[in-house]
Structures are given as C-alpha cells and as structure tokens.
Amino acid sequence: RGWSTRPAQLARALARRGLYTTIL
C-alpha cells in the first residue's frame, strides 16, 4: 500500500521529525 496506513504515516512523520522509530 505504499505506507498509506495511519500508523505507517505517523511513524514516518515522527522519523522525519528526528525520532528513531521501531515498528513491531
């Protein structure tokens, strides 16, 4: 889906803001 889900979009945005994000 090209990372189109809400969790994926928020996780990617947090990473762009500087957080290291681990998705389980």
mmCIF file of all heavy atoms, coordinates in Angstrom:
data_MODEL
# 
_entry.id   MODEL 
# 
loop_
_atom_site.group_PDB 
_atom_site.id 
_atom_site.type_symbol 
_atom_site.label_atom_id 
_atom_site.label_alt_id 
_atom_site.label_comp_id 
_atom_site.label_asym_id 
_atom_site.label_entity_id 
_atom_site.label_seq_id 
_atom_site.pdbx_PDB_ins_code 
_atom_site.Cartn_x 
_atom_site.Cartn_y 
_atom_site.Cartn_z 
_atom_site.occupancy 
_atom_site.B_iso_or_equiv 
_atom_site.pdbx_formal_charge 
_atom_site.auth_seq_id 
_atom_site.auth_comp_id 
_atom_site.auth_asym_id 
_atom_site.auth_atom_id 
_atom_site.pdbx_PDB_model_num 
ATOM 1   N N   . ARG A 1 1  ? 0.797  -1.220 0.000  1.00 0.00 ? 1  ARG A N   1 
ATOM 2   C CA  . ARG A 1 1  ? 0.000  0.000  0.000  1.00 0.00 ? 1  ARG A CA  1 
ATOM 3   C C   . ARG A 1 1  ? 0.835  1.278  0.000  1.00 0.00 ? 1  ARG A C   1 
ATOM 4   O O   . ARG A 1 1  ? 0.294  2.372  0.119  1.00 0.00 ? 1  ARG A O   1 
ATOM 5   C CB  . ARG A 1 1  ? -0.921 0.018  1.232  1.00 0.00 ? 1  ARG A CB  1 
ATOM 6   C CG  . ARG A 1 1  ? -1.889 -1.148 1.283  1.00 0.00 ? 1  ARG A CG  1 
ATOM 7   C CD  . ARG A 1 1  ? -2.799 -1.027 2.491  1.00 0.00 ? 1  ARG A CD  1 
ATOM 8   N NE  . ARG A 1 1  ? -3.693 -2.166 2.604  1.00 0.00 ? 1  ARG A NE  1 
ATOM 9   C CZ  . ARG A 1 1  ? -4.586 -2.305 3.587  1.00 0.00 ? 1  ARG A CZ  1 
ATOM 10  N NH1 . ARG A 1 1  ? -4.683 -1.369 4.531  1.00 0.00 ? 1  ARG A NH1 1 
ATOM 11  N NH2 . ARG A 1 1  ? -5.374 -3.363 3.637  1.00 0.00 ? 1  ARG A NH2 1 
ATOM 12  N N   . GLY A 1 2  ? 2.141  1.125  -0.119 1.00 0.00 ? 2  GLY A N   1 
ATOM 13  C CA  . GLY A 1 2  ? 2.962  2.331  -0.153 1.00 0.00 ? 2  GLY A CA  1 
ATOM 14  C C   . GLY A 1 2  ? 2.959  3.100  1.152  1.00 0.00 ? 2  GLY A C   1 
ATOM 15  O O   . GLY A 1 2  ? 2.969  4.329  1.158  1.00 0.00 ? 2  GLY A O   1 
ATOM 16  N N   . TRP A 1 3  ? 2.927  2.387  2.277  1.00 0.00 ? 3  TRP A N   1 
ATOM 17  C CA  . TRP A 1 3  ? 2.953  3.020  3.610  1.00 0.00 ? 3  TRP A CA  1 
ATOM 18  C C   . TRP A 1 3  ? 1.767  3.978  3.810  1.00 0.00 ? 3  TRP A C   1 
ATOM 19  O O   . TRP A 1 3  ? 1.885  5.009  4.433  1.00 0.00 ? 3  TRP A O   1 
ATOM 20  C CB  . TRP A 1 3  ? 4.269  3.786  3.829  1.00 0.00 ? 3  TRP A CB  1 
ATOM 21  C CG  . TRP A 1 3  ? 5.475  2.931  3.936  1.00 0.00 ? 3  TRP A CG  1 
ATOM 22  C CD1 . TRP A 1 3  ? 6.187  2.386  2.893  1.00 0.00 ? 3  TRP A CD1 1 
ATOM 23  C CD2 . TRP A 1 3  ? 6.121  2.477  5.122  1.00 0.00 ? 3  TRP A CD2 1 
ATOM 24  N NE1 . TRP A 1 3  ? 7.235  1.639  3.385  1.00 0.00 ? 3  TRP A NE1 1 
ATOM 25  C CE2 . TRP A 1 3  ? 7.229  1.679  4.737  1.00 0.00 ? 3  TRP A CE2 1 
ATOM 26  C CE3 . TRP A 1 3  ? 5.892  2.695  6.478  1.00 0.00 ? 3  TRP A CE3 1 
ATOM 27  C CZ2 . TRP A 1 3  ? 8.080  1.096  5.652  1.00 0.00 ? 3  TRP A CZ2 1 
ATOM 28  C CZ3 . TRP A 1 3  ? 6.742  2.104  7.394  1.00 0.00 ? 3  TRP A CZ3 1 
ATOM 29  C CH2 . TRP A 1 3  ? 7.816  1.311  6.975  1.00 0.00 ? 3  TRP A CH2 1 
ATOM 30  N N   . SER A 1 4  ? 0.602  3.627  3.283  1.00 0.00 ? 4  SER A N   1 
ATOM 31  C CA  . SER A 1 4  ? -0.517 4.566  3.305  1.00 0.00 ? 4  SER A CA  1 
ATOM 32  C C   . SER A 1 4  ? -1.396 4.457  4.550  1.00 0.00 ? 4  SER A C   1 
ATOM 33  O O   . SER A 1 4  ? -2.358 5.215  4.683  1.00 0.00 ? 4  SER A O   1 
ATOM 34  C CB  . SER A 1 4  ? -1.392 4.357  2.059  1.00 0.00 ? 4  SER A CB  1 
ATOM 35  O OG  . SER A 1 4  ? -1.959 3.050  2.056  1.00 0.00 ? 4  SER A OG  1 
ATOM 36  N N   . THR A 1 5  ? -1.142 3.511  5.463  1.00 0.00 ? 5  THR A N   1 
ATOM 37  C CA  . THR A 1 5  ? -1.966 3.390  6.659  1.00 0.00 ? 5  THR A CA  1 
ATOM 38  C C   . THR A 1 5  ? -1.626 4.490  7.669  1.00 0.00 ? 5  THR A C   1 
ATOM 39  O O   . THR A 1 5  ? -0.538 5.067  7.638  1.00 0.00 ? 5  THR A O   1 
ATOM 40  C CB  . THR A 1 5  ? -1.770 2.017  7.320  1.00 0.00 ? 5  THR A CB  1 
ATOM 41  O OG1 . THR A 1 5  ? -0.409 1.912  7.767  1.00 0.00 ? 5  THR A OG1 1 
ATOM 42  C CG2 . THR A 1 5  ? -2.068 0.887  6.345  1.00 0.00 ? 5  THR A CG2 1 
ATOM 43  N N   . ARG A 1 6  ? -2.549 4.751  8.581  1.00 0.00 ? 6  ARG A N   1 
ATOM 44  C CA  . ARG A 1 6  ? -2.323 5.778  9.599  1.00 0.00 ? 6  ARG A CA  1 
ATOM 45  C C   . ARG A 1 6  ? -1.078 5.481  10.444 1.00 0.00 ? 6  ARG A C   1 
ATOM 46  O O   . ARG A 1 6  ? -0.241 6.381  10.628 1.00 0.00 ? 6  ARG A O   1 
ATOM 47  C CB  . ARG A 1 6  ? -3.564 5.904  10.490 1.00 0.00 ? 6  ARG A CB  1 
ATOM 48  C CG  . ARG A 1 6  ? -3.378 6.810  11.730 1.00 0.00 ? 6  ARG A CG  1 
ATOM 49  C CD  . ARG A 1 6  ? -4.662 6.830  12.541 1.00 0.00 ? 6  ARG A CD  1 
ATOM 50  N NE  . ARG A 1 6  ? -4.491 7.444  13.852 1.00 0.00 ? 6  ARG A NE  1 
ATOM 51  C CZ  . ARG A 1 6  ? -4.715 8.725  14.130 1.00 0.00 ? 6  ARG A CZ  1 
ATOM 52  N NH1 . ARG A 1 6  ? -5.098 9.543  13.158 1.00 0.00 ? 6  ARG A NH1 1 
ATOM 53  N NH2 . ARG A 1 6  ? -4.566 9.186  15.355 1.00 0.00 ? 6  ARG A NH2 1 
ATOM 54  N N   . PRO A 1 7  ? -0.904 4.263  11.002 1.00 0.00 ? 7  PRO A N   1 
ATOM 55  C CA  . PRO A 1 7  ? 0.310  4.026  11.796 1.00 0.00 ? 7  PRO A CA  1 
ATOM 56  C C   . PRO A 1 7  ? 1.587  4.258  10.995 1.00 0.00 ? 7  PRO A C   1 
ATOM 57  O O   . PRO A 1 7  ? 2.548  4.840  11.506 1.00 0.00 ? 7  PRO A O   1 
ATOM 58  C CB  . PRO A 1 7  ? 0.169  2.561  12.223 1.00 0.00 ? 7  PRO A CB  1 
ATOM 59  C CG  . PRO A 1 7  ? -1.294 2.287  12.186 1.00 0.00 ? 7  PRO A CG  1 
ATOM 60  C CD  . PRO A 1 7  ? -1.806 3.088  11.038 1.00 0.00 ? 7  PRO A CD  1 
ATOM 61  N N   . ALA A 1 8  ? 1.608  3.799  9.733  1.00 0.00 ? 8  ALA A N   1 
ATOM 62  C CA  . ALA A 1 8  ? 2.812  3.974  8.919  1.00 0.00 ? 8  ALA A CA  1 
ATOM 63  C C   . ALA A 1 8  ? 3.077  5.445  8.632  1.00 0.00 ? 8  ALA A C   1 
ATOM 64  O O   . ALA A 1 8  ? 4.226  5.903  8.697  1.00 0.00 ? 8  ALA A O   1 
ATOM 65  C CB  . ALA A 1 8  ? 2.682  3.187  7.614  1.00 0.00 ? 8  ALA A CB  1 
ATOM 66  N N   . GLN A 1 9  ? 2.033  6.199  8.318  1.00 0.00 ? 9  GLN A N   1 
ATOM 67  C CA  . GLN A 1 9  ? 2.220  7.618  8.014  1.00 0.00 ? 9  GLN A CA  1 
ATOM 68  C C   . GLN A 1 9  ? 2.703  8.384  9.247  1.00 0.00 ? 9  GLN A C   1 
ATOM 69  O O   . GLN A 1 9  ? 3.615  9.222  9.145  1.00 0.00 ? 9  GLN A O   1 
ATOM 70  C CB  . GLN A 1 9  ? 0.912  8.225  7.496  1.00 0.00 ? 9  GLN A CB  1 
ATOM 71  C CG  . GLN A 1 9  ? 0.511  7.780  6.111  1.00 0.00 ? 9  GLN A CG  1 
ATOM 72  C CD  . GLN A 1 9  ? 1.365  8.405  5.017  1.00 0.00 ? 9  GLN A CD  1 
ATOM 73  O OE1 . GLN A 1 9  ? 2.342  9.093  5.268  1.00 0.00 ? 9  GLN A OE1 1 
ATOM 74  N NE2 . GLN A 1 9  ? 1.002  8.147  3.766  1.00 0.00 ? 9  GLN A NE2 1 
ATOM 75  N N   . LEU A 1 10 ? 2.136  8.106  10.408 1.00 0.00 ? 10 LEU A N   1 
ATOM 76  C CA  . LEU A 1 10 ? 2.581  8.791  11.621 1.00 0.00 ? 10 LEU A CA  1 
ATOM 77  C C   . LEU A 1 10 ? 4.002  8.375  11.995 1.00 0.00 ? 10 LEU A C   1 
ATOM 78  O O   . LEU A 1 10 ? 4.817  9.211  12.402 1.00 0.00 ? 10 LEU A O   1 
ATOM 79  C CB  . LEU A 1 10 ? 1.627  8.491  12.777 1.00 0.00 ? 10 LEU A CB  1 
ATOM 80  C CG  . LEU A 1 10 ? 0.373  9.365  12.857 1.00 0.00 ? 10 LEU A CG  1 
ATOM 81  C CD1 . LEU A 1 10 ? -0.579 8.839  13.917 1.00 0.00 ? 10 LEU A CD1 1 
ATOM 82  C CD2 . LEU A 1 10 ? 0.719  10.822 13.137 1.00 0.00 ? 10 LEU A CD2 1 
ATOM 83  N N   . ALA A 1 11 ? 4.313  7.083  11.848 1.00 0.00 ? 11 ALA A N   1 
ATOM 84  C CA  . ALA A 1 11 ? 5.659  6.610  12.167 1.00 0.00 ? 11 ALA A CA  1 
ATOM 85  C C   . ALA A 1 11 ? 6.691  7.285  11.266 1.00 0.00 ? 11 ALA A C   1 
ATOM 86  O O   . ALA A 1 11 ? 7.753  7.718  11.723 1.00 0.00 ? 11 ALA A O   1 
ATOM 87  C CB  . ALA A 1 11 ? 5.729  5.086  12.023 1.00 0.00 ? 11 ALA A CB  1 
ATOM 88  N N   . ARG A 1 12 ? 6.393  7.383  9.991  1.00 0.00 ? 12 ARG A N   1 
ATOM 89  C CA  . ARG A 1 12 ? 7.324  8.020  9.054  1.00 0.00 ? 12 ARG A CA  1 
ATOM 90  C C   . ARG A 1 12 ? 7.470  9.510  9.360  1.00 0.00 ? 12 ARG A C   1 
ATOM 91  O O   . ARG A 1 12 ? 8.569  10.069 9.280  1.00 0.00 ? 12 ARG A O   1 
ATOM 92  C CB  . ARG A 1 12 ? 6.846  7.831  7.615  1.00 0.00 ? 12 ARG A CB  1 
ATOM 93  C CG  . ARG A 1 12 ? 6.842  6.391  7.153  1.00 0.00 ? 12 ARG A CG  1 
ATOM 94  C CD  . ARG A 1 12 ? 6.333  6.269  5.743  1.00 0.00 ? 12 ARG A CD  1 
ATOM 95  N NE  . ARG A 1 12 ? 7.379  6.570  4.777  1.00 0.00 ? 12 ARG A NE  1 
ATOM 96  C CZ  . ARG A 1 12 ? 7.144  6.814  3.488  1.00 0.00 ? 12 ARG A CZ  1 
ATOM 97  N NH1 . ARG A 1 12 ? 5.899  6.818  3.040  1.00 0.00 ? 12 ARG A NH1 1 
ATOM 98  N NH2 . ARG A 1 12 ? 8.141  7.049  2.656  1.00 0.00 ? 12 ARG A NH2 1 
ATOM 99  N N   . ALA A 1 13 ? 6.360  10.151 9.708  1.00 0.00 ? 13 ALA A N   1 
ATOM 100 C CA  . ALA A 1 13 ? 6.435  11.576 10.036 1.00 0.00 ? 13 ALA A CA  1 
ATOM 101 C C   . ALA A 1 13 ? 7.244  11.802 11.304 1.00 0.00 ? 13 ALA A C   1 
ATOM 102 O O   . ALA A 1 13 ? 8.023  12.762 11.397 1.00 0.00 ? 13 ALA A O   1 
ATOM 103 C CB  . ALA A 1 13 ? 5.026  12.155 10.181 1.00 0.00 ? 13 ALA A CB  1 
ATOM 104 N N   . LEU A 1 14 ? 7.091  10.938 12.302 1.00 0.00 ? 14 LEU A N   1 
ATOM 105 C CA  . LEU A 1 14 ? 7.898  11.052 13.518 1.00 0.00 ? 14 LEU A CA  1 
ATOM 106 C C   . LEU A 1 14 ? 9.381  10.874 13.201 1.00 0.00 ? 14 LEU A C   1 
ATOM 107 O O   . LEU A 1 14 ? 10.235 11.569 13.758 1.00 0.00 ? 14 LEU A O   1 
ATOM 108 C CB  . LEU A 1 14 ? 7.448  10.019 14.548 1.00 0.00 ? 14 LEU A CB  1 
ATOM 109 C CG  . LEU A 1 14 ? 6.098  10.256 15.229 1.00 0.00 ? 14 LEU A CG  1 
ATOM 110 C CD1 . LEU A 1 14 ? 5.770  9.094  16.152 1.00 0.00 ? 14 LEU A CD1 1 
ATOM 111 C CD2 . LEU A 1 14 ? 6.084  11.557 16.002 1.00 0.00 ? 14 LEU A CD2 1 
ATOM 112 N N   . ALA A 1 15 ? 9.684  9.929  12.301 1.00 0.00 ? 15 ALA A N   1 
ATOM 113 C CA  . ALA A 1 15 ? 11.079 9.723  11.917 1.00 0.00 ? 15 ALA A CA  1 
ATOM 114 C C   . ALA A 1 15 ? 11.641 10.966 11.228 1.00 0.00 ? 15 ALA A C   1 
ATOM 115 O O   . ALA A 1 15 ? 12.791 11.347 11.459 1.00 0.00 ? 15 ALA A O   1 
ATOM 116 C CB  . ALA A 1 15 ? 11.195 8.503  11.007 1.00 0.00 ? 15 ALA A CB  1 
ATOM 117 N N   . ARG A 1 16 ? 10.827 11.602 10.384 1.00 0.00 ? 16 ARG A N   1 
ATOM 118 C CA  . ARG A 1 16 ? 11.285 12.838 9.735  1.00 0.00 ? 16 ARG A CA  1 
ATOM 119 C C   . ARG A 1 16 ? 11.517 13.949 10.750 1.00 0.00 ? 16 ARG A C   1 
ATOM 120 O O   . ARG A 1 16 ? 12.327 14.847 10.533 1.00 0.00 ? 16 ARG A O   1 
ATOM 121 C CB  . ARG A 1 16 ? 10.267 13.291 8.693  1.00 0.00 ? 16 ARG A CB  1 
ATOM 122 C CG  . ARG A 1 16 ? 10.222 12.437 7.445  1.00 0.00 ? 16 ARG A CG  1 
ATOM 123 C CD  . ARG A 1 16 ? 9.463  13.110 6.321  1.00 0.00 ? 16 ARG A CD  1 
ATOM 124 N NE  . ARG A 1 16 ? 8.063  13.319 6.615  1.00 0.00 ? 16 ARG A NE  1 
ATOM 125 C CZ  . ARG A 1 16 ? 7.099  12.436 6.356  1.00 0.00 ? 16 ARG A CZ  1 
ATOM 126 N NH1 . ARG A 1 16 ? 7.395  11.269 5.803  1.00 0.00 ? 16 ARG A NH1 1 
ATOM 127 N NH2 . ARG A 1 16 ? 5.839  12.710 6.642  1.00 0.00 ? 16 ARG A NH2 1 
ATOM 128 N N   . ARG A 1 17 ? 10.812 13.897 11.859 1.00 0.00 ? 17 ARG A N   1 
ATOM 129 C CA  . ARG A 1 17 ? 10.984 14.903 12.901 1.00 0.00 ? 17 ARG A CA  1 
ATOM 130 C C   . ARG A 1 17 ? 12.167 14.579 13.815 1.00 0.00 ? 17 ARG A C   1 
ATOM 131 O O   . ARG A 1 17 ? 12.447 15.316 14.734 1.00 0.00 ? 17 ARG A O   1 
ATOM 132 C CB  . ARG A 1 17 ? 9.703  15.024 13.744 1.00 0.00 ? 17 ARG A CB  1 
ATOM 133 C CG  . ARG A 1 17 ? 8.483  15.449 12.952 1.00 0.00 ? 17 ARG A CG  1 
ATOM 134 C CD  . ARG A 1 17 ? 8.368  16.958 12.795 1.00 0.00 ? 17 ARG A CD  1 
ATOM 135 N NE  . ARG A 1 17 ? 9.396  17.590 12.011 1.00 0.00 ? 17 ARG A NE  1 
ATOM 136 C CZ  . ARG A 1 17 ? 9.426  17.605 10.673 1.00 0.00 ? 17 ARG A CZ  1 
ATOM 137 N NH1 . ARG A 1 17 ? 8.489  17.007 9.990  1.00 0.00 ? 17 ARG A NH1 1 
ATOM 138 N NH2 . ARG A 1 17 ? 10.381 18.215 10.029 1.00 0.00 ? 17 ARG A NH2 1 
ATOM 139 N N   . GLY A 1 18 ? 12.822 13.444 13.606 1.00 0.00 ? 18 GLY A N   1 
ATOM 140 C CA  . GLY A 1 18 ? 14.052 13.155 14.325 1.00 0.00 ? 18 GLY A CA  1 
ATOM 141 C C   . GLY A 1 18 ? 14.009 11.974 15.257 1.00 0.00 ? 18 GLY A C   1 
ATOM 142 O O   . GLY A 1 18 ? 15.035 11.617 15.836 1.00 0.00 ? 18 GLY A O   1 
ATOM 143 N N   . LEU A 1 19 ? 12.868 11.335 15.457 1.00 0.00 ? 19 LEU A N   1 
ATOM 144 C CA  . LEU A 1 19 ? 12.800 10.190 16.356 1.00 0.00 ? 19 LEU A CA  1 
ATOM 145 C C   . LEU A 1 19 ? 13.205 8.916  15.633 1.00 0.00 ? 19 LEU A C   1 
ATOM 146 O O   . LEU A 1 19 ? 12.878 8.730  14.459 1.00 0.00 ? 19 LEU A O   1 
ATOM 147 C CB  . LEU A 1 19 ? 11.387 10.011 16.918 1.00 0.00 ? 19 LEU A CB  1 
ATOM 148 C CG  . LEU A 1 19 ? 11.117 10.718 18.246 1.00 0.00 ? 19 LEU A CG  1 
ATOM 149 C CD1 . LEU A 1 19 ? 10.990 12.210 18.007 1.00 0.00 ? 19 LEU A CD1 1 
ATOM 150 C CD2 . LEU A 1 19 ? 9.853  10.179 18.890 1.00 0.00 ? 19 LEU A CD2 1 
ATOM 151 N N   . TYR A 1 20 ? 13.921 8.060  16.352 1.00 0.00 ? 20 TYR A N   1 
ATOM 152 C CA  . TYR A 1 20 ? 14.184 6.721  15.855 1.00 0.00 ? 20 TYR A CA  1 
ATOM 153 C C   . TYR A 1 20 ? 12.934 5.897  16.146 1.00 0.00 ? 20 TYR A C   1 
ATOM 154 O O   . TYR A 1 20 ? 12.497 5.781  17.297 1.00 0.00 ? 20 TYR A O   1 
ATOM 155 C CB  . TYR A 1 20 ? 15.402 6.108  16.539 1.00 0.00 ? 20 TYR A CB  1 
ATOM 156 C CG  . TYR A 1 20 ? 15.837 4.812  15.915 1.00 0.00 ? 20 TYR A CG  1 
ATOM 157 C CD1 . TYR A 1 20 ? 16.828 4.779  14.939 1.00 0.00 ? 20 TYR A CD1 1 
ATOM 158 C CD2 . TYR A 1 20 ? 15.232 3.613  16.284 1.00 0.00 ? 20 TYR A CD2 1 
ATOM 159 C CE1 . TYR A 1 20 ? 17.215 3.587  14.347 1.00 0.00 ? 20 TYR A CE1 1 
ATOM 160 C CE2 . TYR A 1 20 ? 15.613 2.422  15.696 1.00 0.00 ? 20 TYR A CE2 1 
ATOM 161 C CZ  . TYR A 1 20 ? 16.605 2.413  14.727 1.00 0.00 ? 20 TYR A CZ  1 
ATOM 162 O OH  . TYR A 1 20 ? 16.966 1.228  14.145 1.00 0.00 ? 20 TYR A OH  1 
ATOM 163 N N   . THR A 1 21 ? 12.330 5.320  15.103 1.00 0.00 ? 21 THR A N   1 
ATOM 164 C CA  . THR A 1 21 ? 11.050 4.634  15.237 1.00 0.00 ? 21 THR A CA  1 
ATOM 165 C C   . THR A 1 21 ? 11.208 3.149  14.941 1.00 0.00 ? 21 THR A C   1 
ATOM 166 O O   . THR A 1 21 ? 11.684 2.775  13.870 1.00 0.00 ? 21 THR A O   1 
ATOM 167 C CB  . THR A 1 21 ? 10.008 5.244  14.270 1.00 0.00 ? 21 THR A CB  1 
ATOM 168 O OG1 . THR A 1 21 ? 9.864  6.635  14.558 1.00 0.00 ? 21 THR A OG1 1 
ATOM 169 C CG2 . THR A 1 21 ? 8.666  4.555  14.421 1.00 0.00 ? 21 THR A CG2 1 
ATOM 170 N N   . THR A 1 22 ? 10.815 2.318  15.890 1.00 0.00 ? 22 THR A N   1 
ATOM 171 C CA  . THR A 1 22 ? 10.775 0.875  15.681 1.00 0.00 ? 22 THR A CA  1 
ATOM 172 C C   . THR A 1 22 ? 9.320  0.461  15.551 1.00 0.00 ? 22 THR A C   1 
ATOM 173 O O   . THR A 1 22 ? 8.502  0.775  16.413 1.00 0.00 ? 22 THR A O   1 
ATOM 174 C CB  . THR A 1 22 ? 11.429 0.123  16.850 1.00 0.00 ? 22 THR A CB  1 
ATOM 175 O OG1 . THR A 1 22 ? 12.795 0.532  16.973 1.00 0.00 ? 22 THR A OG1 1 
ATOM 176 C CG2 . THR A 1 22 ? 11.382 -1.372 16.613 1.00 0.00 ? 22 THR A CG2 1 
ATOM 177 N N   . ILE A 1 23 ? 8.999  -0.223 14.464 1.00 0.00 ? 23 ILE A N   1 
ATOM 178 C CA  . ILE A 1 23 ? 7.642  -0.721 14.236 1.00 0.00 ? 23 ILE A CA  1 
ATOM 179 C C   . ILE A 1 23 ? 7.631  -2.216 14.526 1.00 0.00 ? 23 ILE A C   1 
ATOM 180 O O   . ILE A 1 23 ? 8.396  -2.977 13.921 1.00 0.00 ? 23 ILE A O   1 
ATOM 181 C CB  . ILE A 1 23 ? 7.186  -0.455 12.790 1.00 0.00 ? 23 ILE A CB  1 
ATOM 182 C CG1 . ILE A 1 23 ? 7.159  1.051  12.514 1.00 0.00 ? 23 ILE A CG1 1 
ATOM 183 C CG2 . ILE A 1 23 ? 5.809  -1.064 12.544 1.00 0.00 ? 23 ILE A CG2 1 
ATOM 184 C CD1 . ILE A 1 23 ? 6.842  1.403  11.068 1.00 0.00 ? 23 ILE A CD1 1 
ATOM 185 N N   . LEU A 1 24 ? 6.785  -2.635 15.450 1.00 0.00 ? 24 LEU A N   1 
ATOM 186 C CA  . LEU A 1 24 ? 6.627  -4.039 15.803 1.00 0.00 ? 24 LEU A CA  1 
ATOM 187 C C   . LEU A 1 24 ? 5.289  -4.510 15.260 1.00 0.00 ? 24 LEU A C   1 
ATOM 188 O O   . LEU A 1 24 ? 4.236  -4.041 15.703 1.00 0.00 ? 24 LEU A O   1 
ATOM 189 C CB  . LEU A 1 24 ? 6.694  -4.229 17.323 1.00 0.00 ? 24 LEU A CB  1 
ATOM 190 C CG  . LEU A 1 24 ? 6.476  -5.651 17.844 1.00 0.00 ? 24 LEU A CG  1 
ATOM 191 C CD1 . LEU A 1 24 ? 7.569  -6.591 17.351 1.00 0.00 ? 24 LEU A CD1 1 
ATOM 192 C CD2 . LEU A 1 24 ? 6.416  -5.646 19.374 1.00 0.00 ? 24 LEU A CD2 1 
# 
